[in-house]
Amino acid sequence: WNTGDPNASTLITTTGTYTVTGTNGCGQDTASVTVVPVAPPVVQINGNLLICPGASTTLTASSGVTYLWNTGATTQSIAVSAPGVYFVSVSNGCASATAQAEVENVAINAAFTATPASGAPPLPVSFTNSSTPLNASWSWAFGDGGSSTSSDPLYTYTSSGTYVATLTMTVGGCTDEASTTI
């Protein structure tokens, strides 16, 4: 070998062109090999990183030959239902690289008060929304066929009866509800 190694095989750890000369009773011959670096894979994790409480999402690593997730999975994709940081090591057969993604639950809590909660009709009721987060969309059903998309509606009940007022809120594809009886 042009490295000075007298053995039939040698360990190469750097890039370059290497030559070996072999000799036997019939003569000698020289061969060359060029060693080039193999780039590690470029790893990305794709998937919805915001999940609704109780839901799951699928995380998929970009292409490679082998995969190892911090969950122990060895597949290209994993389904996760718990918030947390997920890592994957991807190998292309010659080199490997790692990527991480943080999965978070969408914090959503529908809540409100209704004042007054009872009385004779016509009964104007002020609904005070205390839901979180504030960047949600709201849908109210007042139990008598009336509805609203206002955050804090004032609604008047015109007939006697018992009504279930329900607030449905949606944020990030997640939905929560709260109800009270009027």
C-alpha atoms as a PDB file:
ATOM      1  CA  TRP A   1       0.000   0.000   0.000  1.00  0.00           C
ATOM      2  CA  ASN A   2       1.173   3.542  -0.589  1.00  0.00           C
ATOM      3  CA  THR A   3       0.478   4.061   3.132  1.00  0.00           C
ATOM      4  CA  GLY A   4       3.374   1.748   3.995  1.00  0.00           C
ATOM      5  CA  ASP A   5       1.101  -0.990   5.347  1.00  0.00           C
ATOM      6  CA  PRO A   6       2.564  -4.373   4.262  1.00  0.00           C
ATOM      7  CA  ASN A   7      -0.683  -6.317   4.910  1.00  0.00           C
ATOM      8  CA  ALA A   8      -3.098  -7.566   2.246  1.00  0.00           C
ATOM      9  CA  SER A   9      -5.803  -5.254   3.606  1.00  0.00           C
ATOM     10  CA  THR A  10      -5.627  -1.932   5.373  1.00  0.00           C
ATOM     11  CA  LEU A  11      -7.949   0.366   7.319  1.00  0.00           C
ATOM     12  CA  ILE A  12      -8.557   3.691   5.608  1.00  0.00           C
ATOM     13  CA  THR A  13      -9.884   6.562   7.756  1.00  0.00           C
ATOM     14  CA  THR A  14      -9.320   9.594   5.536  1.00  0.00           C
ATOM     15  CA  THR A  15     -10.305  10.507   2.009  1.00  0.00           C
ATOM     16  CA  GLY A  16      -7.812  10.165  -0.834  1.00  0.00           C
ATOM     17  CA  THR A  17      -6.522   7.825  -3.509  1.00  0.00           C
ATOM     18  CA  TYR A  18      -4.763   4.693  -2.325  1.00  0.00           C
ATOM     19  CA  THR A  19      -2.726   2.207  -4.345  1.00  0.00           C
ATOM     20  CA  VAL A  20      -1.709  -1.328  -3.585  1.00  0.00           C
ATOM     21  CA  THR A  21       0.804  -3.448  -5.417  1.00  0.00           C
ATOM     22  CA  GLY A  22       0.452  -7.219  -5.349  1.00  0.00           C
ATOM     23  CA  THR A  23       3.268  -9.572  -6.289  1.00  0.00           C
ATOM     24  CA  ASN A  24       3.295 -13.315  -6.860  1.00  0.00           C
ATOM     25  CA  GLY A  25       5.310 -15.822  -8.904  1.00  0.00           C
ATOM     26  CA  CYS A  26       3.670 -14.637 -12.138  1.00  0.00           C
ATOM     27  CA  GLY A  27       4.506 -10.986 -11.697  1.00  0.00           C
ATOM     28  CA  GLN A  28       3.002  -7.941 -10.084  1.00  0.00           C
ATOM     29  CA  ASP A  29       0.048  -5.636 -10.562  1.00  0.00           C
ATOM     30  CA  THR A  30      -1.061  -2.316  -9.101  1.00  0.00           C
ATOM     31  CA  ALA A  31      -4.606  -1.204  -8.309  1.00  0.00           C
ATOM     32  CA  SER A  32      -5.945   2.109  -7.084  1.00  0.00           C
ATOM     33  CA  VAL A  33      -9.025   3.046  -5.107  1.00  0.00           C
ATOM     34  CA  THR A  34     -10.326   6.512  -4.321  1.00  0.00           C
ATOM     35  CA  VAL A  35     -12.052   6.951  -0.970  1.00  0.00           C
ATOM     36  CA  VAL A  36     -14.598   9.764  -0.848  1.00  0.00           C
ATOM     37  CA  PRO A  37     -16.609  10.819   2.184  1.00  0.00           C
ATOM     38  CA  VAL A  38     -20.240   9.812   2.346  1.00  0.00           C
ATOM     39  CA  ALA A  39     -22.403  12.630   3.587  1.00  0.00           C
ATOM     40  CA  PRO A  40     -24.607  11.788   6.536  1.00  0.00           C
ATOM     41  CA  PRO A  41     -28.307  11.811   5.812  1.00  0.00           C
ATOM     42  CA  VAL A  42     -30.237  15.033   6.251  1.00  0.00           C
ATOM     43  CA  VAL A  43     -32.833  14.158   8.873  1.00  0.00           C
ATOM     44  CA  GLN A  44     -36.151  15.897   9.360  1.00  0.00           C
ATOM     45  CA  ILE A  45     -39.150  14.857  11.398  1.00  0.00           C
ATOM     46  CA  ASN A  46     -42.512  15.621   9.823  1.00  0.00           C
ATOM     47  CA  GLY A  47     -45.885  15.487  11.535  1.00  0.00           C
ATOM     48  CA  ASN A  48     -48.339  17.576  13.506  1.00  0.00           C
ATOM     49  CA  LEU A  49     -46.469  18.751  16.611  1.00  0.00           C
ATOM     50  CA  LEU A  50     -49.617  20.092  18.301  1.00  0.00           C
ATOM     51  CA  ILE A  51     -52.099  17.439  19.366  1.00  0.00           C
ATOM     52  CA  CYS A  52     -55.443  17.580  21.091  1.00  0.00           C
ATOM     53  CA  PRO A  53     -55.639  16.068  24.582  1.00  0.00           C
ATOM     54  CA  GLY A  54     -56.293  12.338  24.208  1.00  0.00           C
ATOM     55  CA  ALA A  55     -55.354  12.339  20.510  1.00  0.00           C
ATOM     56  CA  SER A  56     -52.250  11.095  18.715  1.00  0.00           C
ATOM     57  CA  THR A  57     -50.055  12.137  15.813  1.00  0.00           C
ATOM     58  CA  THR A  58     -47.675  10.338  13.467  1.00  0.00           C
ATOM     59  CA  LEU A  59     -44.045  11.470  13.306  1.00  0.00           C
ATOM     60  CA  THR A  60     -42.134  10.473  10.163  1.00  0.00           C
ATOM     61  CA  ALA A  61     -38.367  10.721   9.686  1.00  0.00           C
ATOM     62  CA  SER A  62     -36.948  11.619   6.296  1.00  0.00           C
ATOM     63  CA  SER A  63     -35.590   8.781   4.210  1.00  0.00           C
ATOM     64  CA  GLY A  64     -32.768   6.555   5.333  1.00  0.00           C
ATOM     65  CA  VAL A  65     -31.858   2.882   5.627  1.00  0.00           C
ATOM     66  CA  THR A  66     -32.257   2.348   9.368  1.00  0.00           C
ATOM     67  CA  TYR A  67     -34.072   4.267  12.095  1.00  0.00           C
ATOM     68  CA  LEU A  68     -33.851   4.320  15.874  1.00  0.00           C
ATOM     69  CA  TRP A  69     -36.277   6.476  17.875  1.00  0.00           C
ATOM     70  CA  ASN A  70     -35.822   7.291  21.551  1.00  0.00           C
ATOM     71  CA  THR A  71     -38.994   5.232  22.085  1.00  0.00           C
ATOM     72  CA  GLY A  72     -37.073   2.155  20.912  1.00  0.00           C
ATOM     73  CA  ALA A  73     -38.994   1.961  17.617  1.00  0.00           C
ATOM     74  CA  THR A  74     -36.972   1.108  14.507  1.00  0.00           C
ATOM     75  CA  THR A  75     -39.518   2.174  11.871  1.00  0.00           C
ATOM     76  CA  GLN A  76     -39.566   5.304   9.705  1.00  0.00           C
ATOM     77  CA  SER A  77     -42.790   6.517  11.378  1.00  0.00           C
ATOM     78  CA  ILE A  78     -44.096   6.358  14.937  1.00  0.00           C
ATOM     79  CA  ALA A  79     -47.475   7.225  16.440  1.00  0.00           C
ATOM     80  CA  VAL A  80     -47.290   9.271  19.641  1.00  0.00           C
ATOM     81  CA  SER A  81     -50.040  10.395  21.985  1.00  0.00           C
ATOM     82  CA  ALA A  82     -47.985  11.896  24.801  1.00  0.00           C
ATOM     83  CA  PRO A  83     -46.381  15.317  24.707  1.00  0.00           C
ATOM     84  CA  GLY A  84     -42.593  15.297  24.855  1.00  0.00           C
ATOM     85  CA  VAL A  85     -39.375  15.460  22.893  1.00  0.00           C
ATOM     86  CA  TYR A  86     -38.835  12.690  20.362  1.00  0.00           C
ATOM     87  CA  PHE A  87     -35.442  11.868  18.803  1.00  0.00           C
ATOM     88  CA  VAL A  88     -34.610   9.733  15.797  1.00  0.00           C
ATOM     89  CA  SER A  89     -31.225   8.568  14.539  1.00  0.00           C
ATOM     90  CA  VAL A  90     -31.241   7.814  10.805  1.00  0.00           C
ATOM     91  CA  SER A  91     -28.500   5.926   8.986  1.00  0.00           C
ATOM     92  CA  ASN A  92     -27.926   5.756   5.243  1.00  0.00           C
ATOM     93  CA  GLY A  93     -25.670   2.706   5.593  1.00  0.00           C
ATOM     94  CA  CYS A  94     -22.457   4.734   5.805  1.00  0.00           C
ATOM     95  CA  ALA A  95     -23.204   7.611   8.142  1.00  0.00           C
ATOM     96  CA  SER A  96     -25.954   8.679  10.514  1.00  0.00           C
ATOM     97  CA  ALA A  97     -27.568  11.845  11.785  1.00  0.00           C
ATOM     98  CA  THR A  98     -30.099  12.725  14.468  1.00  0.00           C
ATOM     99  CA  ALA A  99     -33.127  15.014  14.597  1.00  0.00           C
ATOM    100  CA  GLN A 100     -35.613  15.882  17.301  1.00  0.00           C
ATOM    101  CA  ALA A 101     -39.152  17.208  17.505  1.00  0.00           C
ATOM    102  CA  GLU A 102     -41.218  18.389  20.455  1.00  0.00           C
ATOM    103  CA  VAL A 103     -44.862  17.346  20.554  1.00  0.00           C
ATOM    104  CA  GLU A 104     -47.159  19.513  22.653  1.00  0.00           C
ATOM    105  CA  ASN A 105     -50.781  19.215  23.736  1.00  0.00           C
ATOM    106  CA  VAL A 106     -53.091  22.027  22.747  1.00  0.00           C
ATOM    107  CA  ALA A 107     -54.183  23.483  26.093  1.00  0.00           C
ATOM    108  CA  ILE A 108     -57.922  23.974  25.793  1.00  0.00           C
ATOM    109  CA  ASN A 109     -60.516  24.502  28.512  1.00  0.00           C
ATOM    110  CA  ALA A 110     -64.074  25.670  27.890  1.00  0.00           C
ATOM    111  CA  ALA A 111     -65.579  27.514  30.868  1.00  0.00           C
ATOM    112  CA  PHE A 112     -68.147  30.247  31.452  1.00  0.00           C
ATOM    113  CA  THR A 113     -70.611  31.733  33.905  1.00  0.00           C
ATOM    114  CA  ALA A 114     -74.237  32.703  33.239  1.00  0.00           C
ATOM    115  CA  THR A 115     -75.810  35.561  35.220  1.00  0.00           C
ATOM    116  CA  PRO A 116     -78.569  35.287  36.262  1.00  0.00           C
ATOM    117  CA  ALA A 117     -79.049  31.525  35.951  1.00  0.00           C
ATOM    118  CA  SER A 118     -82.786  31.644  36.626  1.00  0.00           C
ATOM    119  CA  GLY A 119     -85.771  33.991  36.572  1.00  0.00           C
ATOM    120  CA  ALA A 120     -89.006  34.837  34.825  1.00  0.00           C
ATOM    121  CA  PRO A 121     -89.109  35.555  31.094  1.00  0.00           C
ATOM    122  CA  PRO A 122     -88.102  37.627  29.379  1.00  0.00           C
ATOM    123  CA  LEU A 123     -84.803  36.695  31.069  1.00  0.00           C
ATOM    124  CA  PRO A 124     -81.659  38.454  29.769  1.00  0.00           C
ATOM    125  CA  VAL A 125     -78.651  36.280  30.631  1.00  0.00           C
ATOM    126  CA  SER A 126     -75.094  37.535  30.415  1.00  0.00           C
ATOM    127  CA  PHE A 127     -72.680  34.755  29.441  1.00  0.00           C
ATOM    128  CA  THR A 128     -69.113  35.485  30.571  1.00  0.00           C
ATOM    129  CA  ASN A 129     -66.547  33.348  28.802  1.00  0.00           C
ATOM    130  CA  SER A 130     -63.526  32.339  30.928  1.00  0.00           C
ATOM    131  CA  SER A 131     -62.170  29.724  28.508  1.00  0.00           C
ATOM    132  CA  THR A 132     -58.518  29.335  27.572  1.00  0.00           C
ATOM    133  CA  PRO A 133     -56.831  30.014  25.252  1.00  0.00           C
ATOM    134  CA  LEU A 134     -58.297  33.279  24.066  1.00  0.00           C
ATOM    135  CA  ASN A 135     -57.467  32.696  20.371  1.00  0.00           C
ATOM    136  CA  ALA A 136     -60.296  30.184  19.938  1.00  0.00           C
ATOM    137  CA  SER A 137     -63.494  30.259  17.942  1.00  0.00           C
ATOM    138  CA  TRP A 138     -66.717  30.148  19.948  1.00  0.00           C
ATOM    139  CA  SER A 139     -70.099  28.627  19.296  1.00  0.00           C
ATOM    140  CA  TRP A 140     -72.956  28.996  21.739  1.00  0.00           C
ATOM    141  CA  ALA A 141     -76.185  26.988  21.733  1.00  0.00           C
ATOM    142  CA  PHE A 142     -78.670  28.399  24.245  1.00  0.00           C
ATOM    143  CA  GLY A 143     -80.943  25.355  24.406  1.00  0.00           C
ATOM    144  CA  ASP A 144     -84.007  27.043  22.904  1.00  0.00           C
ATOM    145  CA  GLY A 145     -82.800  27.144  19.298  1.00  0.00           C
ATOM    146  CA  GLY A 146     -80.841  30.372  19.745  1.00  0.00           C
ATOM    147  CA  SER A 147     -77.106  30.566  19.052  1.00  0.00           C
ATOM    148  CA  SER A 148     -74.155  32.960  18.922  1.00  0.00           C
ATOM    149  CA  THR A 149     -70.498  33.077  17.914  1.00  0.00           C
ATOM    150  CA  SER A 150     -69.679  36.003  20.191  1.00  0.00           C
ATOM    151  CA  SER A 151     -67.171  35.486  22.979  1.00  0.00           C
ATOM    152  CA  ASP A 152     -69.400  36.964  25.714  1.00  0.00           C
ATOM    153  CA  PRO A 153     -72.979  37.085  24.471  1.00  0.00           C
ATOM    154  CA  LEU A 154     -76.032  38.581  26.129  1.00  0.00           C
ATOM    155  CA  TYR A 155     -79.013  36.355  25.366  1.00  0.00           C
ATOM    156  CA  THR A 156     -82.682  36.783  26.297  1.00  0.00           C
ATOM    157  CA  TYR A 157     -84.837  33.751  27.034  1.00  0.00           C
ATOM    158  CA  THR A 158     -88.426  34.616  26.043  1.00  0.00           C
ATOM    159  CA  SER A 159     -90.256  31.488  27.246  1.00  0.00           C
ATOM    160  CA  SER A 160     -90.410  29.662  30.564  1.00  0.00           C
ATOM    161  CA  GLY A 161     -88.558  26.374  30.731  1.00  0.00           C
ATOM    162  CA  THR A 162     -85.303  24.668  31.564  1.00  0.00           C
ATOM    163  CA  TYR A 163     -82.561  25.154  29.009  1.00  0.00           C
ATOM    164  CA  VAL A 164     -79.044  23.764  28.687  1.00  0.00           C
ATOM    165  CA  ALA A 165     -76.694  26.451  27.414  1.00  0.00           C
ATOM    166  CA  THR A 166     -73.544  25.014  25.811  1.00  0.00           C
ATOM    167  CA  LEU A 167     -70.308  26.710  24.808  1.00  0.00           C
ATOM    168  CA  THR A 168     -68.219  24.862  22.208  1.00  0.00           C
ATOM    169  CA  MET A 169     -64.739  26.225  21.592  1.00  0.00           C
ATOM    170  CA  THR A 170     -62.259  25.198  18.923  1.00  0.00           C
ATOM    171  CA  VAL A 171     -58.542  25.952  18.678  1.00  0.00           C
ATOM    172  CA  GLY A 172     -55.833  24.170  16.697  1.00  0.00           C
ATOM    173  CA  GLY A 173     -58.336  21.555  15.541  1.00  0.00           C
ATOM    174  CA  CYS A 174     -59.208  20.696  19.150  1.00  0.00           C
ATOM    175  CA  THR A 175     -62.662  21.120  20.654  1.00  0.00           C
ATOM    176  CA  ASP A 176     -63.945  21.419  24.220  1.00  0.00           C
ATOM    177  CA  GLU A 177     -67.406  22.064  25.627  1.00  0.00           C
ATOM    178  CA  ALA A 178     -68.952  23.447  28.801  1.00  0.00           C
ATOM    179  CA  SER A 179     -72.646  23.543  29.696  1.00  0.00           C
ATOM    180  CA  THR A 180     -74.919  24.936  32.368  1.00  0.00           C
ATOM    181  CA  THR A 181     -78.655  24.811  33.034  1.00  0.00           C
ATOM    182  CA  ILE A 182     -80.714  28.021  32.839  1.00  0.00           C
END
